[in-house]
Amino acid sequence: MLMTKSRLQGSSVVVTLPSSNGIKPKENQEYIVVYSDDGTIMLVPKIDDPFTNEKDAEYYEKEPWEELVSKGVTNFDN
């Protein structure tokens, strides 16, 4: 089990992340930080928006029921 300890650095709390079997976080990687009510802190690597360079509606999917015609009783007033 890897252990680390937080420390105060200026007005920030710093946590160093140890490597495990040669695996370590990338340098200068940006992370989204998620704090949970149970004290868990999750770091999610931030990625570039994959949709920034795409054409409008490039990922549009046609509604599968669009061409269906409704049949049966449509007037419920009678």
N, C-alpha and C. Protein backbone atom coordinates (compact mmCIF):
# COMPACT_ATOMS: atom_id res chain seq x y z
N MET A 1 0.85 -1.17 0.00
CA MET A 1 0.00 0.00 0.00
C MET A 1 0.90 1.23 0.00
N LEU A 2 0.65 2.13 -0.92
CA LEU A 2 1.41 3.38 -0.99
C LEU A 2 0.84 4.38 0.00
N MET A 3 1.70 5.11 0.63
CA MET A 3 1.27 6.11 1.60
C MET A 3 1.91 7.45 1.24
N THR A 4 1.24 8.52 1.55
CA THR A 4 1.77 9.87 1.39
C THR A 4 1.17 10.74 2.47
N LYS A 5 1.68 11.93 2.60
CA LYS A 5 1.20 12.83 3.64
C LYS A 5 1.05 14.22 3.03
N SER A 6 -0.03 14.88 3.40
CA SER A 6 -0.24 16.25 2.89
C SER A 6 0.58 17.22 3.73
N ARG A 7 0.89 18.37 3.12
CA ARG A 7 1.62 19.41 3.83
C ARG A 7 1.15 20.77 3.33
N LEU A 8 1.32 21.76 4.15
CA LEU A 8 0.93 23.11 3.79
C LEU A 8 2.08 23.79 3.08
N GLN A 9 1.78 24.40 1.92
CA GLN A 9 2.78 25.15 1.16
C GLN A 9 2.12 26.46 0.76
N GLY A 10 2.43 27.52 1.48
CA GLY A 10 1.74 28.79 1.29
C GLY A 10 0.31 28.63 1.76
N SER A 11 -0.64 28.95 0.89
CA SER A 11 -2.05 28.79 1.25
C SER A 11 -2.65 27.53 0.63
N SER A 12 -1.80 26.68 0.05
CA SER A 12 -2.27 25.44 -0.59
C SER A 12 -1.86 24.23 0.22
N VAL A 13 -2.62 23.16 0.10
CA VAL A 13 -2.26 21.87 0.66
C VAL A 13 -1.66 21.05 -0.48
N VAL A 14 -0.47 20.49 -0.25
CA VAL A 14 0.24 19.74 -1.29
C VAL A 14 0.31 18.28 -0.88
N VAL A 15 0.06 17.39 -1.85
CA VAL A 15 0.19 15.96 -1.65
C VAL A 15 1.13 15.44 -2.72
N THR A 16 2.20 14.79 -2.33
CA THR A 16 3.10 14.20 -3.31
C THR A 16 2.61 12.80 -3.63
N LEU A 17 2.71 12.41 -4.89
CA LEU A 17 2.24 11.11 -5.33
C LEU A 17 3.45 10.22 -5.62
N PRO A 18 3.63 9.17 -4.83
CA PRO A 18 4.78 8.29 -5.03
C PRO A 18 4.59 7.41 -6.27
N SER A 19 5.71 6.96 -6.84
CA SER A 19 5.61 6.03 -7.97
C SER A 19 5.39 4.62 -7.43
N SER A 20 4.83 3.78 -8.27
CA SER A 20 4.56 2.39 -7.90
C SER A 20 5.07 1.50 -9.02
N ASN A 21 6.10 0.73 -8.74
CA ASN A 21 6.70 -0.17 -9.74
C ASN A 21 7.07 0.59 -11.01
N GLY A 22 7.59 1.78 -10.86
CA GLY A 22 8.01 2.58 -12.00
C GLY A 22 6.90 3.38 -12.65
N ILE A 23 5.66 3.23 -12.18
CA ILE A 23 4.54 3.99 -12.73
C ILE A 23 4.37 5.24 -11.89
N LYS A 24 4.35 6.39 -12.55
CA LYS A 24 4.17 7.64 -11.83
C LYS A 24 3.37 8.61 -12.69
N PRO A 25 2.77 9.62 -12.08
CA PRO A 25 2.01 10.60 -12.86
C PRO A 25 2.92 11.37 -13.82
N LYS A 26 2.34 11.81 -14.94
CA LYS A 26 3.10 12.61 -15.90
C LYS A 26 3.39 13.98 -15.32
N GLU A 27 4.51 14.55 -15.73
CA GLU A 27 4.84 15.91 -15.33
C GLU A 27 3.92 16.90 -16.03
N ASN A 28 3.57 17.95 -15.34
CA ASN A 28 2.76 19.06 -15.88
C ASN A 28 1.40 18.62 -16.40
N GLN A 29 0.90 17.49 -15.96
CA GLN A 29 -0.43 17.02 -16.34
C GLN A 29 -1.47 17.82 -15.55
N GLU A 30 -2.50 18.29 -16.22
CA GLU A 30 -3.60 18.96 -15.53
C GLU A 30 -4.63 17.92 -15.14
N TYR A 31 -5.23 18.11 -13.94
CA TYR A 31 -6.22 17.18 -13.44
C TYR A 31 -7.47 17.92 -13.03
N ILE A 32 -8.60 17.27 -13.16
CA ILE A 32 -9.85 17.74 -12.57
C ILE A 32 -9.90 17.10 -11.20
N VAL A 33 -10.15 17.91 -10.16
CA VAL A 33 -10.16 17.41 -8.79
C VAL A 33 -11.60 17.25 -8.33
N VAL A 34 -11.92 16.07 -7.79
CA VAL A 34 -13.27 15.79 -7.30
C VAL A 34 -13.15 15.39 -5.83
N TYR A 35 -13.80 16.16 -4.96
CA TYR A 35 -13.83 15.86 -3.54
C TYR A 35 -15.15 15.17 -3.20
N SER A 36 -15.09 14.03 -2.52
CA SER A 36 -16.29 13.31 -2.12
C SER A 36 -16.57 13.54 -0.64
N ASP A 37 -17.83 13.36 -0.25
CA ASP A 37 -18.23 13.54 1.14
C ASP A 37 -17.49 12.61 2.10
N ASP A 38 -17.08 11.44 1.60
CA ASP A 38 -16.40 10.47 2.48
C ASP A 38 -14.91 10.74 2.64
N GLY A 39 -14.42 11.86 2.07
CA GLY A 39 -13.01 12.21 2.19
C GLY A 39 -12.15 11.77 1.02
N THR A 40 -12.74 11.05 0.09
CA THR A 40 -12.00 10.60 -1.09
C THR A 40 -11.69 11.80 -1.99
N ILE A 41 -10.48 11.85 -2.51
CA ILE A 41 -10.08 12.87 -3.48
C ILE A 41 -9.72 12.13 -4.76
N MET A 42 -10.41 12.46 -5.85
CA MET A 42 -10.16 11.80 -7.12
C MET A 42 -9.53 12.79 -8.08
N LEU A 43 -8.45 12.36 -8.74
CA LEU A 43 -7.80 13.17 -9.76
C LEU A 43 -8.09 12.54 -11.12
N VAL A 44 -8.74 13.30 -12.00
CA VAL A 44 -9.09 12.81 -13.34
C VAL A 44 -8.26 13.60 -14.34
N PRO A 45 -7.42 12.92 -15.16
CA PRO A 45 -6.62 13.66 -16.14
C PRO A 45 -7.50 14.49 -17.06
N LYS A 46 -7.16 15.76 -17.20
CA LYS A 46 -7.91 16.64 -18.09
C LYS A 46 -7.48 16.37 -19.53
N ILE A 47 -8.46 16.25 -20.42
CA ILE A 47 -8.16 16.03 -21.83
C ILE A 47 -8.70 17.20 -22.64
N ASP A 48 -8.17 17.38 -23.83
CA ASP A 48 -8.69 18.41 -24.73
C ASP A 48 -10.08 18.00 -25.19
N ASP A 49 -10.92 18.98 -25.45
CA ASP A 49 -12.28 18.72 -25.93
C ASP A 49 -12.19 18.07 -27.32
N PRO A 50 -12.65 16.82 -27.46
CA PRO A 50 -12.53 16.14 -28.76
C PRO A 50 -13.46 16.71 -29.83
N PHE A 51 -14.39 17.59 -29.45
CA PHE A 51 -15.36 18.11 -30.41
C PHE A 51 -15.04 19.52 -30.89
N THR A 52 -13.92 20.10 -30.47
CA THR A 52 -13.63 21.49 -30.83
C THR A 52 -13.35 21.69 -32.32
N ASN A 53 -12.79 20.72 -33.00
CA ASN A 53 -12.43 20.88 -34.41
C ASN A 53 -13.36 20.15 -35.36
N GLU A 54 -14.51 19.76 -34.90
CA GLU A 54 -15.43 19.00 -35.73
C GLU A 54 -16.46 19.93 -36.39
N LYS A 55 -17.06 19.45 -37.48
CA LYS A 55 -18.08 20.20 -38.19
C LYS A 55 -19.40 20.12 -37.43
N ASP A 56 -20.25 21.13 -37.59
CA ASP A 56 -21.57 21.11 -36.94
C ASP A 56 -22.34 19.86 -37.35
N ALA A 57 -22.97 19.23 -36.40
CA ALA A 57 -23.83 18.05 -36.58
C ALA A 57 -23.08 16.83 -37.11
N GLU A 58 -21.77 16.81 -36.99
CA GLU A 58 -21.01 15.66 -37.48
C GLU A 58 -21.35 14.39 -36.70
N TYR A 59 -21.71 14.54 -35.44
CA TYR A 59 -22.02 13.38 -34.62
C TYR A 59 -23.52 13.20 -34.43
N TYR A 60 -24.32 13.79 -35.30
CA TYR A 60 -25.77 13.66 -35.24
C TYR A 60 -26.18 12.26 -35.64
N GLU A 61 -27.08 11.68 -34.88
CA GLU A 61 -27.64 10.38 -35.24
C GLU A 61 -29.11 10.58 -35.57
N LYS A 62 -29.53 10.02 -36.69
CA LYS A 62 -30.92 10.13 -37.12
C LYS A 62 -31.81 9.41 -36.11
N GLU A 63 -32.92 10.03 -35.77
CA GLU A 63 -33.88 9.43 -34.84
C GLU A 63 -34.42 8.15 -35.48
N PRO A 64 -34.27 6.98 -34.83
CA PRO A 64 -34.68 5.72 -35.46
C PRO A 64 -36.19 5.59 -35.66
N TRP A 65 -36.99 6.34 -34.89
CA TRP A 65 -38.45 6.22 -35.00
C TRP A 65 -39.05 7.35 -35.85
N GLU A 66 -38.22 8.16 -36.44
CA GLU A 66 -38.66 9.36 -37.16
C GLU A 66 -39.62 9.06 -38.32
N GLU A 67 -39.42 7.97 -39.03
CA GLU A 67 -40.21 7.68 -40.22
C GLU A 67 -41.46 6.84 -39.92
N LEU A 68 -41.65 6.44 -38.68
CA LEU A 68 -42.84 5.66 -38.35
C LEU A 68 -44.08 6.53 -38.35
N VAL A 69 -45.18 5.98 -38.86
CA VAL A 69 -46.46 6.68 -38.89
C VAL A 69 -47.33 6.09 -37.80
N SER A 70 -47.92 6.95 -36.98
CA SER A 70 -48.78 6.42 -35.92
C SER A 70 -50.09 5.91 -36.53
N LYS A 71 -50.58 4.83 -35.97
CA LYS A 71 -51.82 4.24 -36.46
C LYS A 71 -52.72 3.98 -35.27
N GLY A 72 -53.98 3.87 -35.52
CA GLY A 72 -54.93 3.56 -34.46
C GLY A 72 -55.73 4.79 -34.07
N VAL A 73 -56.38 4.71 -32.93
CA VAL A 73 -57.25 5.79 -32.46
C VAL A 73 -56.38 6.96 -32.04
N THR A 74 -56.66 8.13 -32.61
CA THR A 74 -55.92 9.32 -32.24
C THR A 74 -56.82 10.34 -31.57
N ASN A 75 -58.15 10.15 -31.66
CA ASN A 75 -59.09 11.10 -31.03
C ASN A 75 -59.69 10.41 -29.81
N PHE A 76 -59.31 10.83 -28.63
CA PHE A 76 -59.78 10.19 -27.41
C PHE A 76 -61.01 10.87 -26.83
N ASP A 77 -61.56 11.88 -27.53
CA ASP A 77 -62.74 12.60 -27.03
C ASP A 77 -64.02 11.81 -27.21
N ASN A 78 -64.08 10.85 -28.08
CA ASN A 78 -65.31 10.08 -28.37
C ASN A 78 -65.48 8.92 -27.42
